[in-house]
Amino acid sequence: MLRLSLLLLCLLQSSAMAESLAVDIYSNEQLIKLLRDGTYLHRVKADECQLVQDIEARAEVLQQPLYQFLWGEMLNQGVCVKQHASRGMAMLRTAAEQGSAEAMVKLAEYYYQGKLVIKDKERAVQYALPAATNGSIAAQMMLVRLFSEGHGSSRDYPLAYHLLYNNVFEDEATQNKALSLLRVLAAKMPTSVVERAQQARFSTR
């Protein structure tokens, strides 16, 4: 409790002194872009680890999901702090429980790869599925890949196909990757089911 109080005091003091800091804390918009670009840890290191206490306070005290993701990954990878994977993974799970799609996708990746945890692709499906239904392209691509490899329930194949097929892509490379994944999953379903899944409106019935 004392540690959390000290972190909150540090956060308040650093906010009051923001104009004099060499590096300001990231806005939500900045942090979302860093997370989606995959450059968040590079940015923390590029800022010479000046924001460690601010990041920790926003994650541990204010319980902001984006900062919980960032702090968890700093702990997992040992960036600007001593590596502590058990704390890092716990922080990612907390962020996921608060609805962070980024945290869900990262957890799915860890279980898919067997990095820091025992490889468990069924658990990866469990993390990717809710993030995919909330619109995350990264989660949808992960889910389609998992289903294409035979993991998860075949009842969910049409939904995964529908979500990715009907999403909007920011660049051609991502679109081409999605099409490649969709072709593999389509081969596991009857043509009539694929055609239904391609429609803008979709029902699981």
Protein backbone atom coordinates (compact mmCIF):
# COMPACT_ATOMS: atom_id res chain seq x y z
CA MET A 1 0.00 0.00 0.00
CA LEU A 2 2.85 2.35 0.86
CA ARG A 3 4.47 1.58 -2.49
CA LEU A 4 1.27 2.45 -4.35
CA SER A 5 0.93 5.70 -2.39
CA LEU A 6 4.49 6.64 -3.27
CA LEU A 7 3.84 5.84 -6.93
CA LEU A 8 0.73 8.02 -6.92
CA LEU A 9 2.65 10.87 -5.26
CA CYS A 10 5.36 10.51 -7.90
CA LEU A 11 2.72 10.62 -10.64
CA LEU A 12 1.11 13.77 -9.25
CA GLN A 13 4.47 15.48 -8.80
CA SER A 14 5.61 14.59 -12.30
CA SER A 15 2.32 15.84 -13.77
CA ALA A 16 2.69 19.14 -11.94
CA MET A 17 6.22 19.49 -13.31
CA ALA A 18 5.35 18.38 -16.85
CA GLU A 19 6.52 21.62 -18.42
CA SER A 20 9.99 21.18 -17.00
CA LEU A 21 10.39 17.50 -17.95
CA ALA A 22 12.67 16.65 -20.83
CA VAL A 23 10.16 14.04 -21.98
CA ASP A 24 6.39 14.26 -21.46
CA ILE A 25 4.24 11.22 -20.75
CA TYR A 26 2.56 9.75 -23.83
CA SER A 27 -1.00 10.71 -24.65
CA ASN A 28 -3.48 7.88 -25.23
CA GLU A 29 -3.37 8.61 -28.96
CA GLN A 30 0.43 8.43 -29.02
CA LEU A 31 0.48 5.24 -27.01
CA ILE A 32 -2.14 3.52 -29.16
CA LYS A 33 -0.08 4.32 -32.25
CA LEU A 34 3.09 3.00 -30.59
CA LEU A 35 1.33 -0.21 -29.58
CA ARG A 36 -0.13 -0.80 -33.03
CA ASP A 37 3.19 -0.04 -34.71
CA GLY A 38 4.99 -2.36 -32.32
CA THR A 39 7.48 0.41 -31.49
CA TYR A 40 6.46 1.03 -27.86
CA LEU A 41 9.53 -0.53 -26.23
CA HIS A 42 11.87 1.19 -28.70
CA ARG A 43 10.24 4.51 -27.78
CA VAL A 44 10.70 3.93 -24.04
CA LYS A 45 14.39 3.17 -24.61
CA ALA A 46 14.77 6.11 -27.02
CA ASP A 47 13.40 8.37 -24.28
CA GLU A 48 16.29 7.15 -22.10
CA CYS A 49 13.96 5.45 -19.61
CA GLN A 50 12.89 8.82 -18.18
CA LEU A 51 9.22 7.82 -17.90
CA VAL A 52 9.53 4.55 -15.99
CA GLN A 53 7.97 5.86 -12.76
CA ASP A 54 5.16 7.61 -14.63
CA ILE A 55 4.39 4.46 -16.63
CA GLU A 56 4.43 2.28 -13.52
CA ALA A 57 2.15 4.67 -11.64
CA ARG A 58 -0.39 4.84 -14.44
CA ALA A 59 -0.38 1.04 -14.66
CA GLU A 60 -0.28 0.08 -11.00
CA VAL A 61 -2.13 2.97 -9.32
CA LEU A 62 -4.43 4.46 -11.94
CA GLN A 63 -4.92 1.05 -13.60
CA GLN A 64 -5.04 2.45 -17.13
CA PRO A 65 -5.16 -0.52 -19.55
CA LEU A 66 -2.85 0.98 -22.19
CA TYR A 67 -0.20 1.65 -19.56
CA GLN A 68 -0.78 -1.75 -17.98
CA PHE A 69 0.07 -3.23 -21.38
CA LEU A 70 3.19 -1.08 -21.71
CA TRP A 71 4.36 -1.70 -18.14
CA GLY A 72 3.68 -5.43 -18.49
CA GLU A 73 5.78 -5.63 -21.64
CA MET A 74 8.60 -3.63 -20.06
CA LEU A 75 8.64 -6.19 -17.24
CA ASN A 76 8.38 -9.13 -19.65
CA GLN A 77 11.27 -7.93 -21.81
CA GLY A 78 13.39 -6.25 -19.13
CA VAL A 79 13.24 -2.83 -20.82
CA CYS A 80 14.40 -0.05 -18.47
CA VAL A 81 13.60 -2.32 -15.51
CA LYS A 82 14.74 -5.69 -14.24
CA GLN A 83 12.91 -8.46 -16.08
CA HIS A 84 10.04 -9.90 -14.05
CA ALA A 85 7.89 -12.01 -16.38
CA SER A 86 5.41 -13.19 -13.76
CA ARG A 87 4.53 -9.58 -12.89
CA GLY A 88 4.51 -8.61 -16.53
CA MET A 89 2.13 -11.38 -17.58
CA ALA A 90 -0.13 -10.62 -14.61
CA MET A 91 -0.27 -7.00 -15.74
CA LEU A 92 -1.17 -8.03 -19.30
CA ARG A 93 -3.94 -10.27 -17.97
CA THR A 94 -5.30 -7.40 -15.88
CA ALA A 95 -5.34 -5.17 -18.96
CA ALA A 96 -7.11 -7.90 -20.94
CA GLU A 97 -9.72 -8.28 -18.21
CA GLN A 98 -10.40 -4.55 -18.57
CA GLY A 99 -11.07 -5.05 -22.27
CA SER A 100 -7.72 -4.12 -23.82
CA ALA A 101 -7.64 -5.71 -27.27
CA GLU A 102 -3.90 -5.04 -27.46
CA ALA A 103 -3.33 -7.06 -24.29
CA MET A 104 -5.53 -9.90 -25.53
CA VAL A 105 -3.59 -10.10 -28.79
CA LYS A 106 -0.24 -10.04 -27.01
CA LEU A 107 -1.32 -12.83 -24.65
CA ALA A 108 -2.58 -14.83 -27.64
CA GLU A 109 0.83 -14.38 -29.29
CA TYR A 110 2.66 -15.56 -26.17
CA TYR A 111 0.54 -18.71 -25.93
CA TYR A 112 0.78 -19.28 -29.69
CA GLN A 113 4.58 -19.06 -29.63
CA GLY A 114 5.12 -20.68 -26.24
CA LYS A 115 7.15 -17.67 -25.12
CA LEU A 116 7.28 -17.06 -21.34
CA VAL A 117 4.43 -19.59 -20.99
CA ILE A 118 3.72 -23.17 -22.04
CA LYS A 119 2.58 -23.23 -25.66
CA ASP A 120 -1.20 -23.54 -25.65
CA LYS A 121 -2.92 -22.60 -28.90
CA GLU A 122 -6.37 -23.33 -27.51
CA ARG A 123 -5.77 -20.67 -24.88
CA ALA A 124 -4.50 -18.38 -27.62
CA VAL A 125 -7.92 -18.78 -29.27
CA GLN A 126 -9.62 -17.80 -26.01
CA TYR A 127 -7.69 -14.52 -25.91
CA ALA A 128 -7.91 -13.74 -29.63
CA LEU A 129 -11.64 -14.36 -30.05
CA PRO A 130 -13.05 -11.49 -27.93
CA ALA A 131 -10.52 -9.03 -29.32
CA ALA A 132 -11.39 -10.14 -32.85
CA THR A 133 -15.11 -9.58 -32.30
CA ASN A 134 -14.28 -6.08 -31.03
CA GLY A 135 -12.66 -5.18 -34.36
CA SER A 136 -8.93 -5.77 -33.84
CA ILE A 137 -7.41 -6.75 -37.19
CA ALA A 138 -4.38 -8.23 -35.45
CA ALA A 139 -6.67 -10.43 -33.35
CA GLN A 140 -8.75 -11.42 -36.38
CA MET A 141 -5.65 -12.47 -38.30
CA MET A 142 -4.38 -14.41 -35.31
CA LEU A 143 -7.76 -16.11 -34.91
CA VAL A 144 -8.04 -17.04 -38.60
CA ARG A 145 -4.50 -18.46 -38.47
CA LEU A 146 -5.34 -20.53 -35.38
CA PHE A 147 -8.54 -21.85 -36.94
CA SER A 148 -6.70 -22.62 -40.19
CA GLU A 149 -4.31 -24.77 -38.15
CA GLY A 150 -7.24 -26.69 -36.66
CA HIS A 151 -7.42 -25.08 -33.23
CA GLY A 152 -10.59 -23.86 -31.56
CA SER A 153 -14.13 -24.82 -32.52
CA SER A 154 -15.14 -25.23 -36.16
CA ARG A 155 -18.45 -23.57 -35.24
CA ASP A 156 -16.54 -20.29 -34.94
CA TYR A 157 -14.81 -20.53 -38.32
CA PRO A 158 -17.51 -18.61 -40.25
CA LEU A 159 -17.52 -15.77 -37.70
CA ALA A 160 -13.74 -15.40 -37.85
CA TYR A 161 -13.83 -15.46 -41.65
CA HIS A 162 -16.63 -12.87 -41.73
CA LEU A 163 -14.87 -10.47 -39.36
CA LEU A 164 -11.58 -10.42 -41.25
CA TYR A 165 -13.13 -10.51 -44.73
CA ASN A 166 -15.30 -7.47 -44.00
CA ASN A 167 -12.70 -5.35 -42.19
CA VAL A 168 -10.92 -2.30 -43.64
CA PHE A 169 -7.16 -2.45 -44.21
CA GLU A 170 -4.75 0.45 -43.89
CA ASP A 171 -2.21 -0.95 -46.36
CA GLU A 172 -1.96 -3.45 -49.19
CA ALA A 173 0.53 -5.69 -47.39
CA THR A 174 -1.89 -6.31 -44.52
CA GLN A 175 -4.73 -6.88 -46.96
CA ASN A 176 -2.71 -9.45 -48.92
CA LYS A 177 -1.74 -11.24 -45.72
CA ALA A 178 -5.39 -11.36 -44.69
CA LEU A 179 -6.43 -12.77 -48.07
CA SER A 180 -3.81 -15.49 -47.80
CA LEU A 181 -5.06 -16.50 -44.34
CA LEU A 182 -8.68 -16.40 -45.48
CA ARG A 183 -8.00 -18.72 -48.41
CA VAL A 184 -6.63 -21.37 -46.05
CA LEU A 185 -9.60 -21.10 -43.69
CA ALA A 186 -12.08 -21.12 -46.60
CA ALA A 187 -10.77 -24.51 -47.65
CA LYS A 188 -12.02 -25.90 -44.32
CA MET A 189 -15.64 -24.80 -44.91
CA PRO A 190 -18.34 -25.60 -47.48
CA THR A 191 -18.61 -23.03 -50.28
CA SER A 192 -22.10 -22.03 -49.16
CA VAL A 193 -20.82 -21.21 -45.67
CA VAL A 194 -17.94 -19.15 -47.07
CA GLU A 195 -20.31 -17.20 -49.29
CA ARG A 196 -22.59 -16.47 -46.34
CA ALA A 197 -19.62 -15.39 -44.23
CA GLN A 198 -18.55 -12.95 -46.94
CA GLN A 199 -21.80 -11.01 -46.71
CA ALA A 200 -21.79 -7.64 -44.94
CA ARG A 201 -24.51 -8.89 -42.62
CA PHE A 202 -23.85 -12.17 -40.89
CA SER A 203 -25.71 -14.42 -38.48
CA THR A 204 -24.23 -17.38 -36.64
CA ARG A 205 -27.55 -19.21 -37.00
